[in-house]
Amino acid sequence: MEIKAESVVIPYSQHEQFKYTPSSIKKDDREANSPEIDHQQHVNTKGPKIMIKLRQVFFSIKRVFEDQCLHYNRGENLETTRIYQVWPGKNVLGNLILVSSIDPGIIPRSQEDQMEEELSSSSNSRSGVRKKKIVVVNGVELKLKYCRTCKIFRPPRSCHCVVCDNCVEKFDHHCPWIGQCIALRNYRFYLTFIISALSFFIYVLYFSCWRIHQKVVKNGSNLFGLVRICPETLALVLFTVAAIMFLTGLAIFHLYLISTNQTAYENFRQRFVGSKSPYDKGVCGNIKEVLFVGMPPSKVDFRAEATSRSWHPTAAATHEV
């Protein structure tokens, strides 16, 4: 039977709330021997592991840096020096915890297939006419994509993350270093994490170079002598230079995205190349919308009890074995 397309144009405001049937955010019922379950379960375990490794590396750098600086700043201002050495690292860790623990904007899955509801409610469903939902954003028509996994029509700018296996509002990207999606609700915390980490590494680089200078003045050592006397300081310099270059490029890229009101996903897919983005409100308007608009509440009740419909115990047991 041939399925024709019939468009339904709906006015849409960016702050409009779509209605979904609340459900658990875990996987749907699938066959125990499905290869997709094994693949997704394997991928989902990488994020937390990478984040733990990242924190271990950061703690190691922080420990070496603090020991060096406190050793060369003993005296009357030791407590003040300790505060200045500890605070930047605590700030980075605080932002890392925030961005990794806050719900990025997960869209709850629907217990009923919205496509089937559209077909059953349509008077032309028997004749094989399938409706397409189109919303109008600032005079521009945008087609709503249907997610067969979550059984919903996704709002504009949302995307289904293949790692988290959830649809996420205003999806920017999935960060493997944090182990979390960066999207509507945690994007500003991601920016503060980048800026705080960049400031921290600049701080570490400054004091590492200062210590090398002190060694050169005191001992008259050359480069090979420094490798023997303070190898950990030289390693910190090399690592922090690489980190500063990476974080500077990342910060500049996201500042550009903020000024144009784009997401990294939209920029990568070149969604509005050759045409003006319907979300562009000018530099000041874009900055205000991204950074200073109140964070919407989470649509997911993480304290809700998971039902047998939302998780297949047989599949879970098979995977664990």
C-alpha atoms as a PDB file:
ATOM      1  CA  MET A   1       0.000   0.000   0.000  1.00  0.00           C
ATOM      2  CA  GLU A   2       1.415   3.324  -1.005  1.00  0.00           C
ATOM      3  CA  ILE A   3       1.737   5.820   1.819  1.00  0.00           C
ATOM      4  CA  LYS A   4       1.302   9.424   0.862  1.00  0.00           C
ATOM      5  CA  ALA A   5       2.421  12.452   2.824  1.00  0.00           C
ATOM      6  CA  GLU A   6       0.156  15.106   4.207  1.00  0.00           C
ATOM      7  CA  SER A   7       1.755  18.040   6.018  1.00  0.00           C
ATOM      8  CA  VAL A   8       0.277  19.572   9.133  1.00  0.00           C
ATOM      9  CA  VAL A   9       1.699  23.030   9.822  1.00  0.00           C
ATOM     10  CA  ILE A  10       1.741  24.022  13.495  1.00  0.00           C
ATOM     11  CA  PRO A  11       2.857  27.409  14.858  1.00  0.00           C
ATOM     12  CA  TYR A  12       5.709  26.884  17.283  1.00  0.00           C
ATOM     13  CA  SER A  13       7.372  28.978  19.944  1.00  0.00           C
ATOM     14  CA  GLN A  14      10.845  28.013  21.103  1.00  0.00           C
ATOM     15  CA  HIS A  15       9.660  27.898  24.716  1.00  0.00           C
ATOM     16  CA  GLU A  16       6.568  25.813  23.925  1.00  0.00           C
ATOM     17  CA  GLN A  17       6.331  22.665  26.014  1.00  0.00           C
ATOM     18  CA  PHE A  18       5.651  19.461  24.098  1.00  0.00           C
ATOM     19  CA  LYS A  19       3.482  16.877  25.821  1.00  0.00           C
ATOM     20  CA  TYR A  20       4.864  13.392  26.365  1.00  0.00           C
ATOM     21  CA  THR A  21       3.643  10.386  28.247  1.00  0.00           C
ATOM     22  CA  PRO A  22       6.108   9.960  31.152  1.00  0.00           C
ATOM     23  CA  SER A  23       7.970   6.704  31.210  1.00  0.00           C
ATOM     24  CA  SER A  24      11.262   5.288  32.359  1.00  0.00           C
ATOM     25  CA  ILE A  25      14.272   6.441  30.381  1.00  0.00           C
ATOM     26  CA  LYS A  26      15.745   2.957  30.237  1.00  0.00           C
ATOM     27  CA  LYS A  27      15.664   0.777  27.135  1.00  0.00           C
ATOM     28  CA  ASP A  28      12.502  -0.647  25.636  1.00  0.00           C
ATOM     29  CA  ASP A  29      11.685  -4.318  25.574  1.00  0.00           C
ATOM     30  CA  ARG A  30      13.980  -6.006  23.091  1.00  0.00           C
ATOM     31  CA  GLU A  31      15.014  -9.535  22.335  1.00  0.00           C
ATOM     32  CA  ALA A  32      17.643 -10.970  24.634  1.00  0.00           C
ATOM     33  CA  ASN A  33      19.907 -11.922  21.741  1.00  0.00           C
ATOM     34  CA  SER A  34      19.582  -8.583  19.953  1.00  0.00           C
ATOM     35  CA  PRO A  35      23.019  -7.266  18.860  1.00  0.00           C
ATOM     36  CA  GLU A  36      21.801  -3.708  19.419  1.00  0.00           C
ATOM     37  CA  ILE A  37      21.490  -4.342  23.159  1.00  0.00           C
ATOM     38  CA  ASP A  38      25.050  -5.605  23.403  1.00  0.00           C
ATOM     39  CA  HIS A  39      26.364  -2.662  21.383  1.00  0.00           C
ATOM     40  CA  GLN A  40      24.517  -0.012  23.364  1.00  0.00           C
ATOM     41  CA  GLN A  41      25.393  -1.585  26.714  1.00  0.00           C
ATOM     42  CA  HIS A  42      29.041  -1.672  25.716  1.00  0.00           C
ATOM     43  CA  VAL A  43      29.045   1.952  24.572  1.00  0.00           C
ATOM     44  CA  ASN A  44      27.222   3.237  27.656  1.00  0.00           C
ATOM     45  CA  THR A  45      29.911   1.875  29.953  1.00  0.00           C
ATOM     46  CA  LYS A  46      32.650   3.970  28.339  1.00  0.00           C
ATOM     47  CA  GLY A  47      31.439   7.382  29.469  1.00  0.00           C
ATOM     48  CA  PRO A  48      31.756   6.884  33.248  1.00  0.00           C
ATOM     49  CA  LYS A  49      35.082   5.065  32.835  1.00  0.00           C
ATOM     50  CA  ILE A  50      36.577   7.924  30.801  1.00  0.00           C
ATOM     51  CA  MET A  51      35.258  10.466  33.306  1.00  0.00           C
ATOM     52  CA  ILE A  52      36.870   8.554  36.193  1.00  0.00           C
ATOM     53  CA  LYS A  53      40.186   8.447  34.312  1.00  0.00           C
ATOM     54  CA  LEU A  54      39.906  12.180  33.607  1.00  0.00           C
ATOM     55  CA  ARG A  55      39.368  12.920  37.289  1.00  0.00           C
ATOM     56  CA  GLN A  56      42.318  10.710  38.243  1.00  0.00           C
ATOM     57  CA  VAL A  57      44.603  12.582  35.831  1.00  0.00           C
ATOM     58  CA  PHE A  58      43.328  15.914  37.108  1.00  0.00           C
ATOM     59  CA  PHE A  59      43.861  14.935  40.754  1.00  0.00           C
ATOM     60  CA  SER A  60      47.411  13.810  39.947  1.00  0.00           C
ATOM     61  CA  ILE A  61      48.244  17.128  38.261  1.00  0.00           C
ATOM     62  CA  LYS A  62      46.604  19.065  41.073  1.00  0.00           C
ATOM     63  CA  ARG A  63      48.543  17.124  43.721  1.00  0.00           C
ATOM     64  CA  VAL A  64      51.942  17.615  42.064  1.00  0.00           C
ATOM     65  CA  PHE A  65      51.231  21.293  41.426  1.00  0.00           C
ATOM     66  CA  GLU A  66      50.153  22.020  45.009  1.00  0.00           C
ATOM     67  CA  ASP A  67      53.135  20.185  46.505  1.00  0.00           C
ATOM     68  CA  GLN A  68      55.563  22.136  44.352  1.00  0.00           C
ATOM     69  CA  CYS A  69      54.037  25.551  45.005  1.00  0.00           C
ATOM     70  CA  LEU A  70      53.596  25.028  48.738  1.00  0.00           C
ATOM     71  CA  HIS A  71      57.178  23.805  49.006  1.00  0.00           C
ATOM     72  CA  TYR A  72      58.502  27.030  47.461  1.00  0.00           C
ATOM     73  CA  ASN A  73      56.162  29.353  49.336  1.00  0.00           C
ATOM     74  CA  ARG A  74      56.779  28.449  52.959  1.00  0.00           C
ATOM     75  CA  GLY A  75      56.672  31.334  55.396  1.00  0.00           C
ATOM     76  CA  GLU A  76      54.236  33.883  56.761  1.00  0.00           C
ATOM     77  CA  ASN A  77      51.880  33.692  53.763  1.00  0.00           C
ATOM     78  CA  LEU A  78      51.642  29.897  53.698  1.00  0.00           C
ATOM     79  CA  GLU A  79      47.907  29.783  54.464  1.00  0.00           C
ATOM     80  CA  THR A  80      47.137  32.453  51.855  1.00  0.00           C
ATOM     81  CA  THR A  81      49.249  30.578  49.332  1.00  0.00           C
ATOM     82  CA  ARG A  82      47.442  27.335  50.162  1.00  0.00           C
ATOM     83  CA  ILE A  83      44.058  28.977  49.488  1.00  0.00           C
ATOM     84  CA  TYR A  84      45.189  30.331  46.127  1.00  0.00           C
ATOM     85  CA  GLN A  85      46.595  26.934  45.103  1.00  0.00           C
ATOM     86  CA  VAL A  86      43.571  24.873  46.190  1.00  0.00           C
ATOM     87  CA  TRP A  87      40.695  27.097  45.021  1.00  0.00           C
ATOM     88  CA  PRO A  88      41.235  26.835  41.213  1.00  0.00           C
ATOM     89  CA  GLY A  89      41.271  23.038  41.356  1.00  0.00           C
ATOM     90  CA  LYS A  90      38.155  22.885  43.525  1.00  0.00           C
ATOM     91  CA  ASN A  91      36.401  25.217  41.089  1.00  0.00           C
ATOM     92  CA  VAL A  92      37.143  22.921  38.140  1.00  0.00           C
ATOM     93  CA  LEU A  93      35.955  19.833  40.022  1.00  0.00           C
ATOM     94  CA  GLY A  94      32.765  21.590  41.111  1.00  0.00           C
ATOM     95  CA  ASN A  95      31.899  22.531  37.530  1.00  0.00           C
ATOM     96  CA  LEU A  96      32.758  19.026  36.335  1.00  0.00           C
ATOM     97  CA  ILE A  97      30.369  17.504  38.874  1.00  0.00           C
ATOM     98  CA  LEU A  98      27.622  19.954  37.890  1.00  0.00           C
ATOM     99  CA  VAL A  99      27.837  19.372  34.149  1.00  0.00           C
ATOM    100  CA  SER A 100      28.061  15.586  34.529  1.00  0.00           C
ATOM    101  CA  SER A 101      25.236  15.176  37.056  1.00  0.00           C
ATOM    102  CA  ILE A 102      22.544  17.572  35.770  1.00  0.00           C
ATOM    103  CA  ASP A 103      19.886  16.234  33.417  1.00  0.00           C
ATOM    104  CA  PRO A 104      20.903  17.649  29.993  1.00  0.00           C
ATOM    105  CA  GLY A 105      17.292  17.785  28.819  1.00  0.00           C
ATOM    106  CA  ILE A 106      16.212  14.191  28.289  1.00  0.00           C
ATOM    107  CA  ILE A 107      12.828  13.841  26.611  1.00  0.00           C
ATOM    108  CA  PRO A 108      10.765  11.063  28.251  1.00  0.00           C
ATOM    109  CA  ARG A 109       9.793   8.207  26.005  1.00  0.00           C
ATOM    110  CA  SER A 110       6.175   7.746  25.103  1.00  0.00           C
ATOM    111  CA  GLN A 111       4.438   4.553  26.165  1.00  0.00           C
ATOM    112  CA  GLU A 112       2.241   4.773  23.092  1.00  0.00           C
ATOM    113  CA  ASP A 113       3.401   5.112  19.503  1.00  0.00           C
ATOM    114  CA  GLN A 114       2.606   8.707  18.499  1.00  0.00           C
ATOM    115  CA  MET A 115       2.780   7.777  14.813  1.00  0.00           C
ATOM    116  CA  GLU A 116       0.114   5.121  15.318  1.00  0.00           C
ATOM    117  CA  GLU A 117      -1.992   7.654  17.223  1.00  0.00           C
ATOM    118  CA  GLU A 118      -1.707  10.082  14.319  1.00  0.00           C
ATOM    119  CA  LEU A 119      -2.792   7.400  11.860  1.00  0.00           C
ATOM    120  CA  SER A 120      -5.682   6.206  14.010  1.00  0.00           C
ATOM    121  CA  SER A 121      -6.912   9.757  14.644  1.00  0.00           C
ATOM    122  CA  SER A 122      -6.691  10.727  10.986  1.00  0.00           C
ATOM    123  CA  SER A 123      -9.872  10.448   8.970  1.00  0.00           C
ATOM    124  CA  ASN A 124      -7.755   9.407   6.000  1.00  0.00           C
ATOM    125  CA  SER A 125      -5.833   6.677   7.822  1.00  0.00           C
ATOM    126  CA  ARG A 126      -7.643   3.926   5.960  1.00  0.00           C
ATOM    127  CA  SER A 127      -6.608   5.367   2.616  1.00  0.00           C
ATOM    128  CA  GLY A 128      -2.947   5.274   3.629  1.00  0.00           C
ATOM    129  CA  VAL A 129      -2.292   8.978   4.206  1.00  0.00           C
ATOM    130  CA  ARG A 130       0.456   9.594   6.763  1.00  0.00           C
ATOM    131  CA  LYS A 131       0.771  13.015   8.375  1.00  0.00           C
ATOM    132  CA  LYS A 132       4.046  14.888   8.731  1.00  0.00           C
ATOM    133  CA  LYS A 133       4.313  17.425  11.515  1.00  0.00           C
ATOM    134  CA  ILE A 134       5.785  20.761  10.517  1.00  0.00           C
ATOM    135  CA  VAL A 135       6.290  23.669  12.899  1.00  0.00           C
ATOM    136  CA  VAL A 136       6.875  27.304  12.003  1.00  0.00           C
ATOM    137  CA  VAL A 137       9.748  29.046  13.810  1.00  0.00           C
ATOM    138  CA  ASN A 138      10.056  32.764  13.036  1.00  0.00           C
ATOM    139  CA  GLY A 139       8.494  32.257   9.618  1.00  0.00           C
ATOM    140  CA  VAL A 140      10.613  29.206   8.739  1.00  0.00           C
ATOM    141  CA  GLU A 141       8.961  25.803   8.355  1.00  0.00           C
ATOM    142  CA  LEU A 142      10.802  22.960  10.095  1.00  0.00           C
ATOM    143  CA  LYS A 143       9.863  19.305   9.882  1.00  0.00           C
ATOM    144  CA  LEU A 144       9.602  17.359  13.133  1.00  0.00           C
ATOM    145  CA  LYS A 145      11.456  14.069  12.915  1.00  0.00           C
ATOM    146  CA  TYR A 146       9.884  10.963  14.366  1.00  0.00           C
ATOM    147  CA  CYS A 147      12.010   8.841  16.709  1.00  0.00           C
ATOM    148  CA  ARG A 148      11.013   5.182  16.482  1.00  0.00           C
ATOM    149  CA  THR A 149      13.008   4.329  19.609  1.00  0.00           C
ATOM    150  CA  CYS A 150      11.362   6.917  21.874  1.00  0.00           C
ATOM    151  CA  LYS A 151       8.067   6.835  19.901  1.00  0.00           C
ATOM    152  CA  ILE A 152       7.751  10.626  19.769  1.00  0.00           C
ATOM    153  CA  PHE A 153       7.969  13.501  17.325  1.00  0.00           C
ATOM    154  CA  ARG A 154      11.136  15.257  18.425  1.00  0.00           C
ATOM    155  CA  PRO A 155      10.939  19.032  19.044  1.00  0.00           C
ATOM    156  CA  PRO A 156      13.116  21.330  16.904  1.00  0.00           C
ATOM    157  CA  ARG A 157      16.852  21.225  17.693  1.00  0.00           C
ATOM    158  CA  SER A 158      16.548  17.929  19.568  1.00  0.00           C
ATOM    159  CA  CYS A 159      18.353  14.727  18.624  1.00  0.00           C
ATOM    160  CA  HIS A 160      18.537  11.092  19.683  1.00  0.00           C
ATOM    161  CA  CYS A 161      21.934  10.406  21.275  1.00  0.00           C
ATOM    162  CA  VAL A 162      23.209   6.997  20.180  1.00  0.00           C
ATOM    163  CA  VAL A 163      25.435   6.745  23.271  1.00  0.00           C
ATOM    164  CA  CYS A 164      22.877   7.662  25.950  1.00  0.00           C
ATOM    165  CA  ASP A 165      20.036   6.144  23.867  1.00  0.00           C
ATOM    166  CA  ASN A 166      17.697   9.041  24.669  1.00  0.00           C
ATOM    167  CA  CYS A 167      16.239  11.985  22.796  1.00  0.00           C
ATOM    168  CA  VAL A 168      17.690  15.221  24.192  1.00  0.00           C
ATOM    169  CA  GLU A 169      16.394  18.784  23.822  1.00  0.00           C
ATOM    170  CA  LYS A 170      18.632  21.305  22.044  1.00  0.00           C
ATOM    171  CA  PHE A 171      21.289  18.649  21.620  1.00  0.00           C
ATOM    172  CA  ASP A 172      24.809  20.069  21.255  1.00  0.00           C
ATOM    173  CA  HIS A 173      27.036  16.987  21.431  1.00  0.00           C
ATOM    174  CA  HIS A 174      27.893  14.002  23.577  1.00  0.00           C
ATOM    175  CA  CYS A 175      31.121  14.675  25.467  1.00  0.00           C
ATOM    176  CA  PRO A 176      33.134  11.454  25.962  1.00  0.00           C
ATOM    177  CA  TRP A 177      35.420  13.133  28.514  1.00  0.00           C
ATOM    178  CA  ILE A 178      32.496  13.994  30.788  1.00  0.00           C
ATOM    179  CA  GLY A 179      30.393  10.955  29.914  1.00  0.00           C
ATOM    180  CA  GLN A 180      27.270  13.059  29.425  1.00  0.00           C
ATOM    181  CA  CYS A 181      25.267  14.785  26.714  1.00  0.00           C
ATOM    182  CA  ILE A 182      25.722  18.548  26.479  1.00  0.00           C
ATOM    183  CA  ALA A 183      22.367  20.092  25.715  1.00  0.00           C
ATOM    184  CA  LEU A 184      19.680  22.528  26.853  1.00  0.00           C
ATOM    185  CA  ARG A 185      19.943  22.234  30.642  1.00  0.00           C
ATOM    186  CA  ASN A 186      23.680  21.790  31.235  1.00  0.00           C
ATOM    187  CA  TYR A 187      25.260  23.782  28.388  1.00  0.00           C
ATOM    188  CA  ARG A 188      26.091  26.843  30.507  1.00  0.00           C
ATOM    189  CA  PHE A 189      27.752  24.627  33.123  1.00  0.00           C
ATOM    190  CA  TYR A 190      29.785  23.053  30.331  1.00  0.00           C
ATOM    191  CA  LEU A 191      31.003  26.529  29.361  1.00  0.00           C
ATOM    192  CA  THR A 192      31.960  27.367  32.944  1.00  0.00           C
ATOM    193  CA  PHE A 193      33.793  24.041  33.143  1.00  0.00           C
ATOM    194  CA  ILE A 194      35.815  24.861  30.013  1.00  0.00           C
ATOM    195  CA  ILE A 195      36.641  28.378  31.228  1.00  0.00           C
ATOM    196  CA  SER A 196      37.554  27.233  34.748  1.00  0.00           C
ATOM    197  CA  ALA A 197      39.736  24.413  33.377  1.00  0.00           C
ATOM    198  CA  LEU A 198      41.453  26.840  30.999  1.00  0.00           C
ATOM    199  CA  SER A 199      42.113  29.272  33.858  1.00  0.00           C
ATOM    200  CA  PHE A 200      43.442  26.447  36.026  1.00  0.00           C
ATOM    201  CA  PHE A 201      45.915  25.221  33.409  1.00  0.00           C
ATOM    202  CA  ILE A 202      47.123  28.775  32.726  1.00  0.00           C
ATOM    203  CA  TYR A 203      47.655  29.099  36.484  1.00  0.00           C
ATOM    204  CA  VAL A 204      49.594  25.813  36.588  1.00  0.00           C
ATOM    205  CA  LEU A 205      51.701  26.826  33.575  1.00  0.00           C
ATOM    206  CA  TYR A 206      52.608  30.168  35.143  1.00  0.00           C
ATOM    207  CA  PHE A 207      53.839  28.664  38.415  1.00  0.00           C
ATOM    208  CA  SER A 208      55.601  25.792  36.644  1.00  0.00           C
ATOM    209  CA  CYS A 209      57.539  28.271  34.502  1.00  0.00           C
ATOM    210  CA  TRP A 210      58.241  30.301  37.645  1.00  0.00           C
ATOM    211  CA  ARG A 211      59.706  27.239  39.364  1.00  0.00           C
ATOM    212  CA  ILE A 212      61.883  26.440  36.346  1.00  0.00           C
ATOM    213  CA  HIS A 213      63.129  30.026  36.398  1.00  0.00           C
ATOM    214  CA  GLN A 214      63.998  29.685  40.099  1.00  0.00           C
ATOM    215  CA  LYS A 215      65.937  26.482  39.406  1.00  0.00           C
ATOM    216  CA  VAL A 216      67.863  28.078  36.556  1.00  0.00           C
ATOM    217  CA  VAL A 217      68.773  31.125  38.672  1.00  0.00           C
ATOM    218  CA  LYS A 218      69.777  29.025  41.679  1.00  0.00           C
ATOM    219  CA  ASN A 219      71.664  26.183  40.013  1.00  0.00           C
ATOM    220  CA  GLY A 220      72.462  27.577  36.580  1.00  0.00           C
ATOM    221  CA  SER A 221      71.041  24.405  35.062  1.00  0.00           C
ATOM    222  CA  ASN A 222      70.474  23.929  31.360  1.00  0.00           C
ATOM    223  CA  LEU A 223      67.636  21.948  29.780  1.00  0.00           C
ATOM    224  CA  PHE A 224      69.262  18.573  30.440  1.00  0.00           C
ATOM    225  CA  GLY A 225      69.943  19.580  34.026  1.00  0.00           C
ATOM    226  CA  LEU A 226      66.295  20.518  34.513  1.00  0.00           C
ATOM    227  CA  VAL A 227      65.231  17.087  33.261  1.00  0.00           C
ATOM    228  CA  ARG A 228      67.310  15.573  36.054  1.00  0.00           C
ATOM    229  CA  ILE A 229      66.387  18.095  38.796  1.00  0.00           C
ATOM    230  CA  CYS A 230      62.657  18.692  38.205  1.00  0.00           C
ATOM    231  CA  PRO A 231      61.255  16.301  35.567  1.00  0.00           C
ATOM    232  CA  GLU A 232      57.730  16.578  36.994  1.00  0.00           C
ATOM    233  CA  THR A 233      57.706  20.347  36.392  1.00  0.00           C
ATOM    234  CA  LEU A 234      58.756  19.960  32.763  1.00  0.00           C
ATOM    235  CA  ALA A 235      56.064  17.303  32.308  1.00  0.00           C
ATOM    236  CA  LEU A 236      53.494  19.714  33.757  1.00  0.00           C
ATOM    237  CA  VAL A 237      54.613  22.434  31.340  1.00  0.00           C
ATOM    238  CA  LEU A 238      54.245  20.161  28.307  1.00  0.00           C
ATOM    239  CA  PHE A 239      50.873  18.833  29.448  1.00  0.00           C
ATOM    240  CA  THR A 240      49.438  22.241  30.340  1.00  0.00           C
ATOM    241  CA  VAL A 241      50.571  23.789  27.035  1.00  0.00           C
ATOM    242  CA  ALA A 242      48.721  21.046  25.129  1.00  0.00           C
ATOM    243  CA  ALA A 243      45.653  21.418  27.376  1.00  0.00           C
ATOM    244  CA  ILE A 244      45.627  25.216  26.987  1.00  0.00           C
ATOM    245  CA  MET A 245      45.803  24.966  23.181  1.00  0.00           C
ATOM    246  CA  PHE A 246      42.921  22.473  23.097  1.00  0.00           C
ATOM    247  CA  LEU A 247      40.714  24.346  25.581  1.00  0.00           C
ATOM    248  CA  THR A 248      41.377  27.716  23.919  1.00  0.00           C
ATOM    249  CA  GLY A 249      40.231  26.379  20.557  1.00  0.00           C
ATOM    250  CA  LEU A 250      37.205  24.763  22.183  1.00  0.00           C
ATOM    251  CA  ALA A 251      36.276  27.976  24.031  1.00  0.00           C
ATOM    252  CA  ILE A 252      36.583  30.096  20.862  1.00  0.00           C
ATOM    253  CA  PHE A 253      34.431  27.619  18.922  1.00  0.00           C
ATOM    254  CA  HIS A 254      31.662  27.662  21.531  1.00  0.00           C
ATOM    255  CA  LEU A 255      31.791  31.454  21.832  1.00  0.00           C
ATOM    256  CA  TYR A 256      31.161  31.547  18.088  1.00  0.00           C
ATOM    257  CA  LEU A 257      28.257  29.112  18.472  1.00  0.00           C
ATOM    258  CA  ILE A 258      26.752  31.255  21.240  1.00  0.00           C
ATOM    259  CA  SER A 259      27.049  34.463  19.200  1.00  0.00           C
ATOM    260  CA  THR A 260      25.195  32.833  16.290  1.00  0.00           C
ATOM    261  CA  ASN A 261      22.792  30.760  18.447  1.00  0.00           C
ATOM    262  CA  GLN A 262      23.874  27.451  16.959  1.00  0.00           C
ATOM    263  CA  THR A 263      24.569  24.083  18.487  1.00  0.00           C
ATOM    264  CA  ALA A 264      27.661  22.064  17.633  1.00  0.00           C
ATOM    265  CA  TYR A 265      25.394  19.456  16.021  1.00  0.00           C
ATOM    266  CA  GLU A 266      23.706  22.054  13.803  1.00  0.00           C
ATOM    267  CA  ASN A 267      27.077  23.514  12.851  1.00  0.00           C
ATOM    268  CA  PHE A 268      28.465  20.080  11.996  1.00  0.00           C
ATOM    269  CA  ARG A 269      25.408  19.174   9.906  1.00  0.00           C
ATOM    270  CA  GLN A 270      25.395  22.654   8.304  1.00  0.00           C
ATOM    271  CA  ARG A 271      21.676  22.968   8.865  1.00  0.00           C
ATOM    272  CA  PHE A 272      21.330  26.617   7.855  1.00  0.00           C
ATOM    273  CA  VAL A 273      24.093  27.073   5.277  1.00  0.00           C
ATOM    274  CA  GLY A 274      22.966  29.589   2.661  1.00  0.00           C
ATOM    275  CA  SER A 275      20.004  30.736   4.748  1.00  0.00           C
ATOM    276  CA  LYS A 276      19.569  32.625   7.997  1.00  0.00           C
ATOM    277  CA  SER A 277      18.940  30.539  11.080  1.00  0.00           C
ATOM    278  CA  PRO A 278      15.426  31.057  12.492  1.00  0.00           C
ATOM    279  CA  TYR A 279      16.969  31.072  15.974  1.00  0.00           C
ATOM    280  CA  ASP A 280      19.414  33.928  15.319  1.00  0.00           C
ATOM    281  CA  LYS A 281      18.376  36.994  17.345  1.00  0.00           C
ATOM    282  CA  GLY A 282      21.561  39.008  16.984  1.00  0.00           C
ATOM    283  CA  VAL A 283      24.689  38.710  19.107  1.00  0.00           C
ATOM    284  CA  CYS A 284      23.229  40.284  22.264  1.00  0.00           C
ATOM    285  CA  GLY A 285      19.932  38.409  21.946  1.00  0.00           C
ATOM    286  CA  ASN A 286      21.729  35.111  21.357  1.00  0.00           C
ATOM    287  CA  ILE A 287      24.004  35.548  24.377  1.00  0.00           C
ATOM    288  CA  LYS A 288      21.025  36.436  26.552  1.00  0.00           C
ATOM    289  CA  GLU A 289      19.034  33.402  25.406  1.00  0.00           C
ATOM    290  CA  VAL A 290      21.871  30.904  25.831  1.00  0.00           C
ATOM    291  CA  LEU A 291      23.382  32.139  29.101  1.00  0.00           C
ATOM    292  CA  PHE A 292      20.813  34.190  30.984  1.00  0.00           C
ATOM    293  CA  VAL A 293      17.407  32.589  30.344  1.00  0.00           C
ATOM    294  CA  GLY A 294      16.154  30.491  33.260  1.00  0.00           C
ATOM    295  CA  MET A 295      16.855  26.775  33.067  1.00  0.00           C
ATOM    296  CA  PRO A 296      13.654  24.810  32.348  1.00  0.00           C
ATOM    297  CA  PRO A 297      12.694  22.053  34.790  1.00  0.00           C
ATOM    298  CA  SER A 298      13.583  18.464  34.038  1.00  0.00           C
ATOM    299  CA  LYS A 299      10.913  16.429  32.252  1.00  0.00           C
ATOM    300  CA  VAL A 300      12.135  13.161  33.760  1.00  0.00           C
ATOM    301  CA  ASP A 301      11.207  11.901  37.212  1.00  0.00           C
ATOM    302  CA  PHE A 302      14.399  10.070  38.183  1.00  0.00           C
ATOM    303  CA  ARG A 303      12.741   8.833  41.378  1.00  0.00           C
ATOM    304  CA  ALA A 304       9.968   7.059  39.510  1.00  0.00           C
ATOM    305  CA  GLU A 305       9.851   3.297  39.801  1.00  0.00           C
ATOM    306  CA  ALA A 306      11.018   1.458  36.689  1.00  0.00           C
ATOM    307  CA  THR A 307       8.430  -0.977  35.357  1.00  0.00           C
ATOM    308  CA  SER A 308       8.879  -4.308  33.619  1.00  0.00           C
ATOM    309  CA  ARG A 309       7.747  -2.603  30.435  1.00  0.00           C
ATOM    310  CA  SER A 310      10.694  -0.233  30.451  1.00  0.00           C
ATOM    311  CA  TRP A 311      13.362  -2.858  31.103  1.00  0.00           C
ATOM    312  CA  HIS A 312      13.654  -6.434  29.942  1.00  0.00           C
ATOM    313  CA  PRO A 313      15.057  -8.499  32.864  1.00  0.00           C
ATOM    314  CA  THR A 314      15.947 -11.408  30.603  1.00  0.00           C
ATOM    315  CA  ALA A 315      17.996  -9.171  28.339  1.00  0.00           C
ATOM    316  CA  ALA A 316      19.768  -7.621  31.307  1.00  0.00           C
ATOM    317  CA  ALA A 317      20.620 -11.002  32.807  1.00  0.00           C
ATOM    318  CA  THR A 318      21.869 -12.296  29.459  1.00  0.00           C
ATOM    319  CA  HIS A 319      24.142  -9.301  29.016  1.00  0.00           C
ATOM    320  CA  GLU A 320      25.583  -9.585  32.514  1.00  0.00           C
ATOM    321  CA  VAL A 321      26.438 -13.240  31.933  1.00  0.00           C
END
